[in-house]
C-alpha atoms as a PDB file:
ATOM      1  CA  MET A   1      99.228 105.918 102.099  1.00  0.00           C
ATOM      2  CA  LYS A   2      96.714 104.025 104.082  1.00  0.00           C
ATOM      3  CA  HIS A   3      97.964 105.498 107.973  1.00  0.00           C
ATOM      4  CA  LEU A   4      98.456 101.871 110.224  1.00  0.00           C
ATOM      5  CA  LYS A   5      99.003 104.068 113.720  1.00  0.00           C
ATOM      6  CA  THR A   6     100.787 106.925 115.584  1.00  0.00           C
ATOM      7  CA  THR A   7     103.257 105.949 118.160  1.00  0.00           C
ATOM      8  CA  THR A   8     105.653 108.276 120.048  1.00  0.00           C
ATOM      9  CA  ILE A   9     109.574 107.640 120.070  1.00  0.00           C
ATOM     10  CA  PRO A  10     111.346 108.427 123.219  1.00  0.00           C
ATOM     11  CA  LYS A  11     114.199 111.047 123.911  1.00  0.00           C
ATOM     12  CA  THR A  12     117.603 109.384 122.235  1.00  0.00           C
ATOM     13  CA  GLN A  13     121.002 109.415 122.563  1.00  0.00           C
ATOM     14  CA  ASP A  14     123.850 109.619 120.452  1.00  0.00           C
ATOM     15  CA  LYS A  15     123.264 106.671 117.754  1.00  0.00           C
ATOM     16  CA  ILE A  16     124.316 104.960 114.273  1.00  0.00           C
ATOM     17  CA  ILE A  17     122.961 102.282 112.829  1.00  0.00           C
ATOM     18  CA  LEU A  18     126.666 100.639 111.686  1.00  0.00           C
ATOM     19  CA  ASN A  19     127.192 100.454 115.427  1.00  0.00           C
ATOM     20  CA  GLN A  20     124.042  98.359 115.924  1.00  0.00           C
ATOM     21  CA  THR A  21     125.507  94.492 115.616  1.00  0.00           C
ATOM     22  CA  ASP A  22     122.872  93.608 118.593  1.00  0.00           C
ATOM     23  CA  LEU A  23     119.671  94.626 117.257  1.00  0.00           C
ATOM     24  CA  PHE A  24     120.309  94.533 113.449  1.00  0.00           C
ATOM     25  CA  ASN A  25     121.801  90.686 111.950  1.00  0.00           C
ATOM     26  CA  TYR A  26     122.843  92.022 108.573  1.00  0.00           C
ATOM     27  CA  ILE A  27     123.609  95.844 107.641  1.00  0.00           C
ATOM     28  CA  GLU A  28     124.643  96.333 104.627  1.00  0.00           C
ATOM     29  CA  PRO A  29     127.972  96.943 103.287  1.00  0.00           C
ATOM     30  CA  ASP A  30     126.941 100.413 101.384  1.00  0.00           C
ATOM     31  CA  TYR A  31     126.756 101.543 104.608  1.00  0.00           C
ATOM     32  CA  LYS A  32     130.162 102.598 104.554  1.00  0.00           C
ATOM     33  CA  ASN A  33     130.371 103.214 100.875  1.00  0.00           C
ATOM     34  CA  PHE A  34     127.836 106.462 101.735  1.00  0.00           C
ATOM     35  CA  LYS A  35     129.971 107.396 104.207  1.00  0.00           C
ATOM     36  CA  LEU A  36     126.579 106.767 106.550  1.00  0.00           C
ATOM     37  CA  THR A  37     128.512 107.865 109.916  1.00  0.00           C
ATOM     38  CA  GLU A  38     127.464 111.058 110.928  1.00  0.00           C
ATOM     39  CA  VAL A  39     125.798 111.294 114.652  1.00  0.00           C
ATOM     40  CA  SER A  40     123.076 112.020 114.440  1.00  0.00           C
ATOM     41  CA  PRO A  41     122.386 114.811 118.233  1.00  0.00           C
ATOM     42  CA  LYS A  42     120.178 113.424 121.486  1.00  0.00           C
ATOM     43  CA  THR A  43     116.482 114.149 120.177  1.00  0.00           C
ATOM     44  CA  LYS A  44     113.174 114.871 122.197  1.00  0.00           C
ATOM     45  CA  LYS A  45     110.102 112.392 122.343  1.00  0.00           C
ATOM     46  CA  ILE A  46     108.690 112.862 119.438  1.00  0.00           C
ATOM     47  CA  LYS A  47     105.176 111.024 117.579  1.00  0.00           C
ATOM     48  CA  VAL A  48     105.621 109.781 114.280  1.00  0.00           C
ATOM     49  CA  ASP A  49     103.213 108.160 111.978  1.00  0.00           C
ATOM     50  CA  VAL A  50     103.458 104.344 110.518  1.00  0.00           C
ATOM     51  CA  LEU A  51     101.819 104.416 106.466  1.00  0.00           C
ATOM     52  CA  GLU A  52     101.046 101.662 104.535  1.00  0.00           C
ATOM     53  CA  LEU A  53     102.237 102.169 100.652  1.00  0.00           C
ATOM     54  CA  ASP A  54      98.445 101.343  98.812  1.00  0.00           C
ATOM     55  CA  LYS A  55      99.297 103.029  95.701  1.00  0.00           C
ATOM     56  CA  ASN A  56     103.015 102.401  93.297  1.00  0.00           C
ATOM     57  CA  SER A  57     104.912 105.380  94.177  1.00  0.00           C
ATOM     58  CA  THR A  58     108.733 106.554  94.013  1.00  0.00           C
ATOM     59  CA  PHE A  59     110.572 108.007  97.071  1.00  0.00           C
ATOM     60  CA  GLN A  60     110.054 111.101  96.157  1.00  0.00           C
ATOM     61  CA  GLU A  61     106.135 111.023  96.059  1.00  0.00           C
ATOM     62  CA  ILE A  62     106.490 109.148  99.014  1.00  0.00           C
ATOM     63  CA  PHE A  63     108.766 111.849 101.316  1.00  0.00           C
ATOM     64  CA  THR A  64     107.163 114.904  99.670  1.00  0.00           C
ATOM     65  CA  ASP A  65     108.957 117.533 102.243  1.00  0.00           C
ATOM     66  CA  PRO A  66     112.079 115.504 102.706  1.00  0.00           C
ATOM     67  CA  GLU A  67     113.827 118.145 105.588  1.00  0.00           C
ATOM     68  CA  LYS A  68     110.309 117.520 107.866  1.00  0.00           C
ATOM     69  CA  MET A  69     109.713 113.880 106.777  1.00  0.00           C
ATOM     70  CA  CYS A  70     113.398 112.957 108.566  1.00  0.00           C
ATOM     71  CA  LEU A  71     114.113 111.337 111.573  1.00  0.00           C
ATOM     72  CA  THR A  72     117.620 110.765 113.320  1.00  0.00           C
ATOM     73  CA  GLN A  73     118.997 107.327 112.671  1.00  0.00           C
ATOM     74  CA  ALA A  74     118.950 107.185 116.724  1.00  0.00           C
ATOM     75  CA  GLN A  75     115.030 107.612 116.372  1.00  0.00           C
ATOM     76  CA  ILE A  76     114.926 104.757 114.121  1.00  0.00           C
ATOM     77  CA  ILE A  77     116.833 102.639 116.103  1.00  0.00           C
ATOM     78  CA  LYS A  78     115.115 103.176 118.990  1.00  0.00           C
ATOM     79  CA  PHE A  79     111.885 102.822 116.721  1.00  0.00           C
ATOM     80  CA  VAL A  80     113.204  99.154 115.462  1.00  0.00           C
ATOM     81  CA  GLU A  81     114.133  98.845 119.394  1.00  0.00           C
ATOM     82  CA  ILE A  82     110.570  99.066 120.603  1.00  0.00           C
ATOM     83  CA  ASN A  83     108.731  97.735 117.798  1.00  0.00           C
ATOM     84  CA  LYS A  84     110.731  94.886 116.499  1.00  0.00           C
ATOM     85  CA  ASP A  85     108.505  92.559 117.249  1.00  0.00           C
ATOM     86  CA  ASP A  86     105.654  93.860 115.406  1.00  0.00           C
ATOM     87  CA  PHE A  87     107.714  94.183 112.048  1.00  0.00           C
ATOM     88  CA  ILE A  88     106.410  92.379 108.753  1.00  0.00           C
ATOM     89  CA  ASN A  89     107.186  93.332 104.923  1.00  0.00           C
ATOM     90  CA  SER A  90     109.911  96.535 105.219  1.00  0.00           C
ATOM     91  CA  TYR A  91     109.690  99.505 107.195  1.00  0.00           C
ATOM     92  CA  PHE A  92     111.449 102.345 105.479  1.00  0.00           C
ATOM     93  CA  PHE A  93     113.023 105.845 107.224  1.00  0.00           C
ATOM     94  CA  LEU A  94     114.099 108.901 105.140  1.00  0.00           C
ATOM     95  CA  PHE A  95     117.045 110.074 107.247  1.00  0.00           C
ATOM     96  CA  LYS A  96     119.712 113.246 106.329  1.00  0.00           C
ATOM     97  CA  ASN A  97     123.312 112.902 106.929  1.00  0.00           C
ATOM     98  CA  LYS A  98     125.246 115.252 106.057  1.00  0.00           C
ATOM     99  CA  ASP A  99     123.166 117.466 102.979  1.00  0.00           C
ATOM    100  CA  ASP A 100     122.128 114.243 101.853  1.00  0.00           C
ATOM    101  CA  PHE A 101     118.667 112.145 102.130  1.00  0.00           C
ATOM    102  CA  PHE A 102     118.530 108.681 102.161  1.00  0.00           C
ATOM    103  CA  VAL A 103     116.057 105.479 102.909  1.00  0.00           C
ATOM    104  CA  SER A 104     116.938 102.993 105.667  1.00  0.00           C
ATOM    105  CA  SER A 105     114.808  99.973 104.845  1.00  0.00           C
ATOM    106  CA  ILE A 106     114.612  97.444 107.418  1.00  0.00           C
ATOM    107  CA  CYS A 107     113.479  93.866 106.744  1.00  0.00           C
ATOM    108  CA  ASP A 108     112.273  91.402 109.351  1.00  0.00           C
ATOM    109  CA  TYR A 109     113.888  87.518 107.818  1.00  0.00           C
ATOM    110  CA  SER A 110     113.601  84.418 110.179  1.00  0.00           C
ATOM    111  CA  ASN A 111     113.628  86.677 112.992  1.00  0.00           C
ATOM    112  CA  LYS A 112     116.825  88.391 112.155  1.00  0.00           C
ATOM    113  CA  LEU A 113     116.935  92.258 111.474  1.00  0.00           C
ATOM    114  CA  SER A 114     118.578  93.386 108.319  1.00  0.00           C
ATOM    115  CA  VAL A 115     119.107  97.071 107.292  1.00  0.00           C
ATOM    116  CA  TYR A 116     119.603  98.431 103.680  1.00  0.00           C
ATOM    117  CA  PHE A 117     120.274 101.513 102.535  1.00  0.00           C
ATOM    118  CA  TYR A 118     118.730 103.764  99.099  1.00  0.00           C
ATOM    119  CA  GLN A 119     119.717 107.783  98.007  1.00  0.00           C
ATOM    120  CA  PHE A 120     116.514 109.565  98.225  1.00  0.00           C
ATOM    121  CA  GLU A 121     117.102 109.764  94.237  1.00  0.00           C
ATOM    122  CA  PHE A 122     116.647 106.166  94.035  1.00  0.00           C
ATOM    123  CA  ASP A 123     114.094 105.997  91.400  1.00  0.00           C
ATOM    124  CA  TYR A 124     112.410 103.334  91.754  1.00  0.00           C
ATOM    125  CA  VAL A 125     109.137 102.374  91.748  1.00  0.00           C
ATOM    126  CA  TRP A 126     107.665 100.350  95.061  1.00  0.00           C
ATOM    127  CA  LEU A 127     104.626  98.355  94.347  1.00  0.00           C
ATOM    128  CA  ALA A 128     101.338  99.075  96.121  1.00  0.00           C
ATOM    129  CA  TRP A 129     100.848  94.742  96.974  1.00  0.00           C
ATOM    130  CA  THR A 130     104.178  94.316  98.850  1.00  0.00           C
ATOM    131  CA  GLN A 131     102.193  96.816 101.277  1.00  0.00           C
ATOM    132  CA  HIS A 132     105.697  98.674 103.310  1.00  0.00           C
ATOM    133  CA  ARG A 133     105.593 100.587 105.793  1.00  0.00           C
ATOM    134  CA  PHE A 134     107.151 104.047 105.999  1.00  0.00           C
ATOM    135  CA  VAL A 135     107.796 105.710 109.192  1.00  0.00           C
ATOM    136  CA  MET A 136     108.210 109.363 109.259  1.00  0.00           C
ATOM    137  CA  PRO A 137     107.619 112.451 112.197  1.00  0.00           C
ATOM    138  CA  GLN A 138     103.756 113.380 112.620  1.00  0.00           C
ATOM    139  CA  LEU A 139     103.063 116.779 110.545  1.00  0.00           C
ATOM    140  CA  SER A 140     101.439 119.570 112.083  1.00  0.00           C
ATOM    141  CA  PRO A 141      99.285 120.787 111.134  1.00  0.00           C
ATOM    142  CA  ASN A 142      98.737 116.510 110.426  1.00  0.00           C
ATOM    143  CA  PRO A 143      98.318 115.595 106.746  1.00  0.00           C
ATOM    144  CA  LEU A 144      96.486 113.180 107.140  1.00  0.00           C
ATOM    145  CA  GLU A 145      93.736 114.804 108.086  1.00  0.00           C
ATOM    146  CA  THR A 146      91.779 117.813 105.858  1.00  0.00           C
ATOM    147  CA  LYS A 147      89.651 120.168 107.361  1.00  0.00           C
ATOM    148  CA  LEU A 148      86.370 120.735 105.413  1.00  0.00           C
ATOM    149  CA  ASP A 149      83.736 123.524 107.726  1.00  0.00           C
ATOM    150  CA  SER A 150      82.912 120.702 110.473  1.00  0.00           C
ATOM    151  CA  LEU A 151      84.059 117.797 108.914  1.00  0.00           C
ATOM    152  CA  THR A 152      87.446 116.251 108.575  1.00  0.00           C
ATOM    153  CA  VAL A 153      88.614 114.600 105.601  1.00  0.00           C
ATOM    154  CA  CYS A 154      91.339 111.504 105.529  1.00  0.00           C
ATOM    155  CA  PRO A 155      93.359 111.224 102.409  1.00  0.00           C
ATOM    156  CA  TYR A 156      93.873 108.325 102.393  1.00  0.00           C
ATOM    157  CA  CYS A 157      90.511 106.472 102.948  1.00  0.00           C
ATOM    158  CA  GLN A 158      88.355 109.621 101.622  1.00  0.00           C
ATOM    159  CA  ASN A 159      86.085 109.489 104.385  1.00  0.00           C
ATOM    160  CA  LYS A 160      84.489 111.898 106.047  1.00  0.00           C
ATOM    161  CA  ILE A 161      84.475 112.318 109.669  1.00  0.00           C
ATOM    162  CA  LYS A 162      82.851 114.707 112.423  1.00  0.00           C
ATOM    163  CA  LEU A 163      85.179 115.733 115.015  1.00  0.00           C
ATOM    164  CA  GLU A 164      84.364 115.854 118.412  1.00  0.00           C
ATOM    165  CA  LYS A 165      85.459 117.267 121.274  1.00  0.00           C
ATOM    166  CA  ILE A 166      86.483 115.027 124.459  1.00  0.00           C
END
């Protein structure tokens, strides 16, 4: 995965995607079949990483630690509200509903946002050339960097970078 940016999602209120018809032009009907109506609790602000697919991968290969890589539906909504003008390609978000994991895909088609849902177990291989984007909480320690002596190695580009105090 190629790191594009880190951004902050402000604190959120109780919301679910199904009720966001002012934000989304199309909400996939499977939302009701999957019973994705669990209201997420209010959250504090959180830093998230936006990553771009650069290797053919399944959801299980991308979201390697689902419990820690989930956002709430309210956080997904807030991210989209803040970044909707930047949407290109598809953005994917992992979330949990009751005890099951799901992935929402949000796409911009002619300046109209559409949202689709997949079960986490869906074993489709997403192709790197599509440059899909994945949004997930910034984990601590940040998996985007691995310390090696006084250098940091970026696992995405494999460049070694010397860290300096600011």
